[in-house]
Amino acid sequence: MKFDIYGRFQVDVRREDETWIAYRAEQGKRTRLHDVIVPPDLAAEEIATYLDDVFHEYAGIGQTVEQLAD
C-alpha cells in the first residue's frame, strides 16, 4: 500500500512475515524506514491514521495522509 505523506514524500507499507514494513518510495527505488515501526496487529485500513500520527510534524493545516491507488 502506498501513502502520500502531506504531498512531501511517499511511504510504501508491505506485509512481510506477519509484520508491516515501511519503505520510503522514490523514483524507482525503496528505502526501508527503520525508525517507523508499524504494529503487526494493526489492520490495513488503520495504517493511514497511524502514519498520520507518526509524521504529523510534516503536516500543514488541514493536510492528511492519503492512501494512493495501486
PDB file of N, CA and C in Angstrom:
ATOM      1  N   MET A   1       0.843  -1.171   0.000  1.00  0.00           N
ATOM      2  CA  MET A   1       0.000   0.000   0.000  1.00  0.00           C
ATOM      3  C   MET A   1       0.887   1.233   0.000  1.00  0.00           C
ATOM      4  N   LYS A   2       0.559   2.171  -0.859  1.00  0.00           N
ATOM      5  CA  LYS A   2       1.336   3.412  -0.921  1.00  0.00           C
ATOM      6  C   LYS A   2       0.524   4.551  -0.329  1.00  0.00           C
ATOM      7  N   PHE A   3       1.249   5.432   0.362  1.00  0.00           N
ATOM      8  CA  PHE A   3       0.625   6.568   1.014  1.00  0.00           C
ATOM      9  C   PHE A   3       1.377   7.841   0.665  1.00  0.00           C
ATOM     10  N   ASP A   4       0.611   8.906   0.415  1.00  0.00           N
ATOM     11  CA  ASP A   4       1.181  10.232   0.207  1.00  0.00           C
ATOM     12  C   ASP A   4       1.238  10.911   1.566  1.00  0.00           C
ATOM     13  N   ILE A   5       2.432  11.325   1.960  1.00  0.00           N
ATOM     14  CA  ILE A   5       2.624  11.962   3.266  1.00  0.00           C
ATOM     15  C   ILE A   5       2.649  13.477   3.059  1.00  0.00           C
ATOM     16  N   TYR A   6       1.455  14.068   3.123  1.00  0.00           N
ATOM     17  CA  TYR A   6       1.258  15.522   3.042  1.00  0.00           C
ATOM     18  C   TYR A   6       1.861  16.151   1.791  1.00  0.00           C
ATOM     19  N   GLY A   7       1.929  15.406   0.701  1.00  0.00           N
ATOM     20  CA  GLY A   7       2.488  15.944  -0.539  1.00  0.00           C
ATOM     21  C   GLY A   7       3.997  16.107  -0.514  1.00  0.00           C
ATOM     22  N   ARG A   8       4.653  15.613   0.531  1.00  0.00           N
ATOM     23  CA  ARG A   8       6.104  15.769   0.665  1.00  0.00           C
ATOM     24  C   ARG A   8       6.875  14.551   0.174  1.00  0.00           C
ATOM     25  N   PHE A   9       6.372  13.355   0.470  1.00  0.00           N
ATOM     26  CA  PHE A   9       7.013  12.111   0.043  1.00  0.00           C
ATOM     27  C   PHE A   9       5.998  10.983   0.138  1.00  0.00           C
ATOM     28  N   GLN A  10       6.396   9.806  -0.343  1.00  0.00           N
ATOM     29  CA  GLN A  10       5.512   8.651  -0.313  1.00  0.00           C
ATOM     30  C   GLN A  10       6.117   7.548   0.539  1.00  0.00           C
ATOM     31  N   VAL A  11       5.238   6.808   1.195  1.00  0.00           N
ATOM     32  CA  VAL A  11       5.641   5.668   2.000  1.00  0.00           C
ATOM     33  C   VAL A  11       4.885   4.447   1.476  1.00  0.00           C
ATOM     34  N   ASP A  12       5.623   3.355   1.287  1.00  0.00           N
ATOM     35  CA  ASP A  12       5.068   2.086   0.850  1.00  0.00           C
ATOM     36  C   ASP A  12       5.105   1.147   2.059  1.00  0.00           C
ATOM     37  N   VAL A  13       3.954   0.613   2.441  1.00  0.00           N
ATOM     38  CA  VAL A  13       3.875  -0.296   3.589  1.00  0.00           C
ATOM     39  C   VAL A  13       3.473  -1.671   3.067  1.00  0.00           C
ATOM     40  N   ARG A  14       4.279  -2.661   3.404  1.00  0.00           N
ATOM     41  CA  ARG A  14       4.042  -4.029   2.928  1.00  0.00           C
ATOM     42  C   ARG A  14       4.010  -4.997   4.095  1.00  0.00           C
ATOM     43  N   ARG A  15       3.224  -6.037   3.915  1.00  0.00           N
ATOM     44  CA  ARG A  15       3.144  -7.097   4.910  1.00  0.00           C
ATOM     45  C   ARG A  15       4.206  -8.128   4.574  1.00  0.00           C
ATOM     46  N   GLU A  16       5.143  -8.360   5.498  1.00  0.00           N
ATOM     47  CA  GLU A  16       6.231  -9.309   5.298  1.00  0.00           C
ATOM     48  C   GLU A  16       6.403 -10.133   6.573  1.00  0.00           C
ATOM     49  N   ASP A  17       6.260 -11.448   6.443  1.00  0.00           N
ATOM     50  CA  ASP A  17       6.452 -12.358   7.590  1.00  0.00           C
ATOM     51  C   ASP A  17       5.669 -11.914   8.822  1.00  0.00           C
ATOM     52  N   GLU A  18       4.382 -11.671   8.640  1.00  0.00           N
ATOM     53  CA  GLU A  18       3.475 -11.318   9.742  1.00  0.00           C
ATOM     54  C   GLU A  18       3.758  -9.959  10.383  1.00  0.00           C
ATOM     55  N   THR A  19       4.560  -9.121   9.723  1.00  0.00           N
ATOM     56  CA  THR A  19       4.810  -7.768  10.225  1.00  0.00           C
ATOM     57  C   THR A  19       4.598  -6.771   9.097  1.00  0.00           C
ATOM     58  N   TRP A  20       4.373  -5.532   9.460  1.00  0.00           N
ATOM     59  CA  TRP A  20       4.296  -4.448   8.485  1.00  0.00           C
ATOM     60  C   TRP A  20       5.682  -3.815   8.371  1.00  0.00           C
ATOM     61  N   ILE A  21       6.155  -3.619   7.157  1.00  0.00           N
ATOM     62  CA  ILE A  21       7.442  -2.975   6.908  1.00  0.00           C
ATOM     63  C   ILE A  21       7.183  -1.710   6.101  1.00  0.00           C
ATOM     64  N   ALA A  22       7.751  -0.591   6.542  1.00  0.00           N
ATOM     65  CA  ALA A  22       7.570   0.695   5.864  1.00  0.00           C
ATOM     66  C   ALA A  22       8.826   1.055   5.070  1.00  0.00           C
ATOM     67  N   TYR A  23       8.598   1.551   3.852  1.00  0.00           N
ATOM     68  CA  TYR A  23       9.666   1.992   2.965  1.00  0.00           C
ATOM     69  C   TYR A  23       9.355   3.393   2.473  1.00  0.00           C
ATOM     70  N   ARG A  24      10.379   4.179   2.282  1.00  0.00           N
ATOM     71  CA  ARG A  24      10.203   5.464   1.603  1.00  0.00           C
ATOM     72  C   ARG A  24      10.313   5.176   0.115  1.00  0.00           C
ATOM     73  N   ALA A  25       9.308   5.562  -0.636  1.00  0.00           N
ATOM     74  CA  ALA A  25       9.267   5.282  -2.069  1.00  0.00           C
ATOM     75  C   ALA A  25       9.698   6.516  -2.844  1.00  0.00           C
ATOM     76  N   GLU A  26      10.736   6.342  -3.650  1.00  0.00           N
ATOM     77  CA  GLU A  26      11.219   7.418  -4.515  1.00  0.00           C
ATOM     78  C   GLU A  26      11.399   6.848  -5.905  1.00  0.00           C
ATOM     79  N   GLN A  27      11.535   7.670  -6.875  1.00  0.00           N
ATOM     80  CA  GLN A  27      11.596   7.259  -8.274  1.00  0.00           C
ATOM     81  C   GLN A  27      12.385   5.977  -8.490  1.00  0.00           C
ATOM     82  N   GLY A  28      11.658   4.872  -8.633  1.00  0.00           N
ATOM     83  CA  GLY A  28      12.277   3.601  -8.961  1.00  0.00           C
ATOM     84  C   GLY A  28      13.021   2.892  -7.854  1.00  0.00           C
ATOM     85  N   LYS A  29      12.966   3.400  -6.626  1.00  0.00           N
ATOM     86  CA  LYS A  29      13.653   2.701  -5.535  1.00  0.00           C
ATOM     87  C   LYS A  29      12.882   2.862  -4.236  1.00  0.00           C
ATOM     88  N   ARG A  30      13.157   1.935  -3.324  1.00  0.00           N
ATOM     89  CA  ARG A  30      12.569   1.973  -1.991  1.00  0.00           C
ATOM     90  C   ARG A  30      13.681   1.891  -0.968  1.00  0.00           C
ATOM     91  N   THR A  31      13.542   2.665   0.092  1.00  0.00           N
ATOM     92  CA  THR A  31      14.495   2.636   1.195  1.00  0.00           C
ATOM     93  C   THR A  31      13.717   2.335   2.469  1.00  0.00           C
ATOM     94  N   ARG A  32      14.157   1.324   3.184  1.00  0.00           N
ATOM     95  CA  ARG A  32      13.447   0.942   4.400  1.00  0.00           C
ATOM     96  C   ARG A  32      13.527   2.052   5.443  1.00  0.00           C
ATOM     97  N   LEU A  33      12.395   2.309   6.090  1.00  0.00           N
ATOM     98  CA  LEU A  33      12.310   3.290   7.171  1.00  0.00           C
ATOM     99  C   LEU A  33      12.404   2.535   8.495  1.00  0.00           C
ATOM    100  N   HIS A  34      13.607   2.344   8.977  1.00  0.00           N
ATOM    101  CA  HIS A  34      13.826   1.565  10.198  1.00  0.00           C
ATOM    102  C   HIS A  34      13.228   2.237  11.434  1.00  0.00           C
ATOM    103  N   ASP A  35      13.058   3.554  11.387  1.00  0.00           N
ATOM    104  CA  ASP A  35      12.507   4.281  12.537  1.00  0.00           C
ATOM    105  C   ASP A  35      10.986   4.235  12.606  1.00  0.00           C
ATOM    106  N   VAL A  36      10.348   3.752  11.555  1.00  0.00           N
ATOM    107  CA  VAL A  36       8.885   3.664  11.537  1.00  0.00           C
ATOM    108  C   VAL A  36       8.498   2.211  11.786  1.00  0.00           C
ATOM    109  N   ILE A  37       7.976   1.951  12.968  1.00  0.00           N
ATOM    110  CA  ILE A  37       7.578   0.601  13.359  1.00  0.00           C
ATOM    111  C   ILE A  37       6.049   0.555  13.386  1.00  0.00           C
ATOM    112  N   VAL A  38       5.485  -0.124  12.400  1.00  0.00           N
ATOM    113  CA  VAL A  38       4.032  -0.269  12.333  1.00  0.00           C
ATOM    114  C   VAL A  38       3.664  -1.514  13.141  1.00  0.00           C
ATOM    115  N   PRO A  39       2.778  -1.382  14.140  1.00  0.00           N
ATOM    116  CA  PRO A  39       2.415  -2.537  14.953  1.00  0.00           C
ATOM    117  C   PRO A  39       1.898  -3.689  14.090  1.00  0.00           C
ATOM    118  N   PRO A  40       2.362  -4.911  14.337  1.00  0.00           N
ATOM    119  CA  PRO A  40       1.980  -6.039  13.487  1.00  0.00           C
ATOM    120  C   PRO A  40       0.487  -6.380  13.530  1.00  0.00           C
ATOM    121  N   ASP A  41      -0.197  -6.011  14.609  1.00  0.00           N
ATOM    122  CA  ASP A  41      -1.620  -6.313  14.719  1.00  0.00           C
ATOM    123  C   ASP A  41      -2.519  -5.203  14.180  1.00  0.00           C
ATOM    124  N   LEU A  42      -1.924  -4.160  13.605  1.00  0.00           N
ATOM    125  CA  LEU A  42      -2.693  -3.050  13.050  1.00  0.00           C
ATOM    126  C   LEU A  42      -3.384  -3.491  11.765  1.00  0.00           C
ATOM    127  N   ALA A  43      -4.675  -3.208  11.649  1.00  0.00           N
ATOM    128  CA  ALA A  43      -5.429  -3.554  10.442  1.00  0.00           C
ATOM    129  C   ALA A  43      -4.997  -2.643   9.288  1.00  0.00           C
ATOM    130  N   ALA A  44      -5.072  -3.159   8.081  1.00  0.00           N
ATOM    131  CA  ALA A  44      -4.646  -2.409   6.892  1.00  0.00           C
ATOM    132  C   ALA A  44      -5.364  -1.065   6.781  1.00  0.00           C
ATOM    133  N   GLU A  45      -6.647  -1.030   7.119  1.00  0.00           N
ATOM    134  CA  GLU A  45      -7.411   0.217   6.995  1.00  0.00           C
ATOM    135  C   GLU A  45      -7.039   1.249   8.058  1.00  0.00           C
ATOM    136  N   GLU A  46      -6.216   0.890   9.026  1.00  0.00           N
ATOM    137  CA  GLU A  46      -5.784   1.817  10.078  1.00  0.00           C
ATOM    138  C   GLU A  46      -4.394   2.406   9.815  1.00  0.00           C
ATOM    139  N   ILE A  47      -3.734   1.958   8.770  1.00  0.00           N
ATOM    140  CA  ILE A  47      -2.345   2.379   8.541  1.00  0.00           C
ATOM    141  C   ILE A  47      -2.239   3.858   8.204  1.00  0.00           C
ATOM    142  N   ALA A  48      -3.141   4.408   7.414  1.00  0.00           N
ATOM    143  CA  ALA A  48      -3.083   5.842   7.084  1.00  0.00           C
ATOM    144  C   ALA A  48      -3.154   6.694   8.345  1.00  0.00           C
ATOM    145  N   THR A  49      -4.050   6.340   9.261  1.00  0.00           N
ATOM    146  CA  THR A  49      -4.175   7.076  10.526  1.00  0.00           C
ATOM    147  C   THR A  49      -2.896   6.946  11.347  1.00  0.00           C
ATOM    148  N   TYR A  50      -2.328   5.749  11.375  1.00  0.00           N
ATOM    149  CA  TYR A  50      -1.086   5.530  12.118  1.00  0.00           C
ATOM    150  C   TYR A  50       0.044   6.383  11.536  1.00  0.00           C
ATOM    151  N   LEU A  51       0.178   6.380  10.205  1.00  0.00           N
ATOM    152  CA  LEU A  51       1.230   7.187   9.570  1.00  0.00           C
ATOM    153  C   LEU A  51       1.005   8.677   9.810  1.00  0.00           C
ATOM    154  N   ASP A  52      -0.258   9.100   9.859  1.00  0.00           N
ATOM    155  CA  ASP A  52      -0.573  10.489  10.174  1.00  0.00           C
ATOM    156  C   ASP A  52      -0.072  10.838  11.577  1.00  0.00           C
ATOM    157  N   ASP A  53      -0.217   9.913  12.525  1.00  0.00           N
ATOM    158  CA  ASP A  53       0.300  10.133  13.879  1.00  0.00           C
ATOM    159  C   ASP A  53       1.829  10.199  13.896  1.00  0.00           C
ATOM    160  N   VAL A  54       2.468   9.341  13.126  1.00  0.00           N
ATOM    161  CA  VAL A  54       3.934   9.268  13.098  1.00  0.00           C
ATOM    162  C   VAL A  54       4.543  10.519  12.454  1.00  0.00           C
ATOM    163  N   PHE A  55       3.954  10.981  11.352  1.00  0.00           N
ATOM    164  CA  PHE A  55       4.554  12.055  10.566  1.00  0.00           C
ATOM    165  C   PHE A  55       3.859  13.413  10.744  1.00  0.00           C
ATOM    166  N   HIS A  56       3.046  13.575  11.782  1.00  0.00           N
ATOM    167  CA  HIS A  56       2.253  14.798  11.940  1.00  0.00           C
ATOM    168  C   HIS A  56       3.074  16.082  11.924  1.00  0.00           C
ATOM    169  N   GLU A  57       4.337  16.021  12.285  1.00  0.00           N
ATOM    170  CA  GLU A  57       5.151  17.249  12.303  1.00  0.00           C
ATOM    171  C   GLU A  57       5.412  17.804  10.905  1.00  0.00           C
ATOM    172  N   TYR A  58       5.183  16.997   9.864  1.00  0.00           N
ATOM    173  CA  TYR A  58       5.340  17.444   8.478  1.00  0.00           C
ATOM    174  C   TYR A  58       4.067  18.071   7.910  1.00  0.00           C
ATOM    175  N   ALA A  59       2.959  17.966   8.615  1.00  0.00           N
ATOM    176  CA  ALA A  59       1.659  18.395   8.100  1.00  0.00           C
ATOM    177  C   ALA A  59       1.483  19.899   8.165  1.00  0.00           C
ATOM    178  N   GLY A  60       0.808  20.405   7.145  1.00  0.00           N
ATOM    179  CA  GLY A  60       0.326  21.775   7.163  1.00  0.00           C
ATOM    180  C   GLY A  60      -1.115  21.759   7.655  1.00  0.00           C
ATOM    181  N   ILE A  61      -1.701  22.893   7.808  1.00  0.00           N
ATOM    182  CA  ILE A  61      -3.074  22.988   8.292  1.00  0.00           C
ATOM    183  C   ILE A  61      -4.008  22.273   7.316  1.00  0.00           C
ATOM    184  N   GLY A  62      -4.797  21.356   7.856  1.00  0.00           N
ATOM    185  CA  GLY A  62      -5.783  20.634   7.061  1.00  0.00           C
ATOM    186  C   GLY A  62      -5.248  19.491   6.221  1.00  0.00           C
ATOM    187  N   GLN A  63      -3.953  19.207   6.255  1.00  0.00           N
ATOM    188  CA  GLN A  63      -3.393  18.118   5.461  1.00  0.00           C
ATOM    189  C   GLN A  63      -3.551  16.789   6.177  1.00  0.00           C
ATOM    190  N   THR A  64      -3.707  15.735   5.386  1.00  0.00           N
ATOM    191  CA  THR A  64      -3.794  14.380   5.930  1.00  0.00           C
ATOM    192  C   THR A  64      -2.938  13.444   5.094  1.00  0.00           C
ATOM    193  N   VAL A  65      -2.678  12.267   5.634  1.00  0.00           N
ATOM    194  CA  VAL A  65      -2.015  11.211   4.892  1.00  0.00           C
ATOM    195  C   VAL A  65      -3.077  10.541   4.027  1.00  0.00           C
ATOM    196  N   GLU A  66      -2.777  10.359   2.743  1.00  0.00           N
ATOM    197  CA  GLU A  66      -3.731   9.778   1.811  1.00  0.00           C
ATOM    198  C   GLU A  66      -3.197   8.484   1.242  1.00  0.00           C
ATOM    199  N   GLN A  67      -4.040   7.455   1.195  1.00  0.00           N
ATOM    200  CA  GLN A  67      -3.649   6.219   0.522  1.00  0.00           C
ATOM    201  C   GLN A  67      -3.766   6.426  -0.974  1.00  0.00           C
ATOM    202  N   LEU A  68      -2.754   5.986  -1.715  1.00  0.00           N
ATOM    203  CA  LEU A  68      -2.733   6.118  -3.168  1.00  0.00           C
ATOM    204  C   LEU A  68      -3.247   4.839  -3.820  1.00  0.00           C
ATOM    205  N   ALA A  69      -3.844   4.992  -4.985  1.00  0.00           N
ATOM    206  CA  ALA A  69      -4.313   3.824  -5.733  1.00  0.00           C
ATOM    207  C   ALA A  69      -3.098   3.053  -6.231  1.00  0.00           C
ATOM    208  N   ASP A  70      -3.210   1.747  -6.217  1.00  0.00           N
ATOM    209  CA  ASP A  70      -2.098   0.899  -6.697  1.00  0.00           C
ATOM    210  C   ASP A  70      -2.057   0.842  -8.192  1.00  0.00           C
TER     211      ASP A  70
END
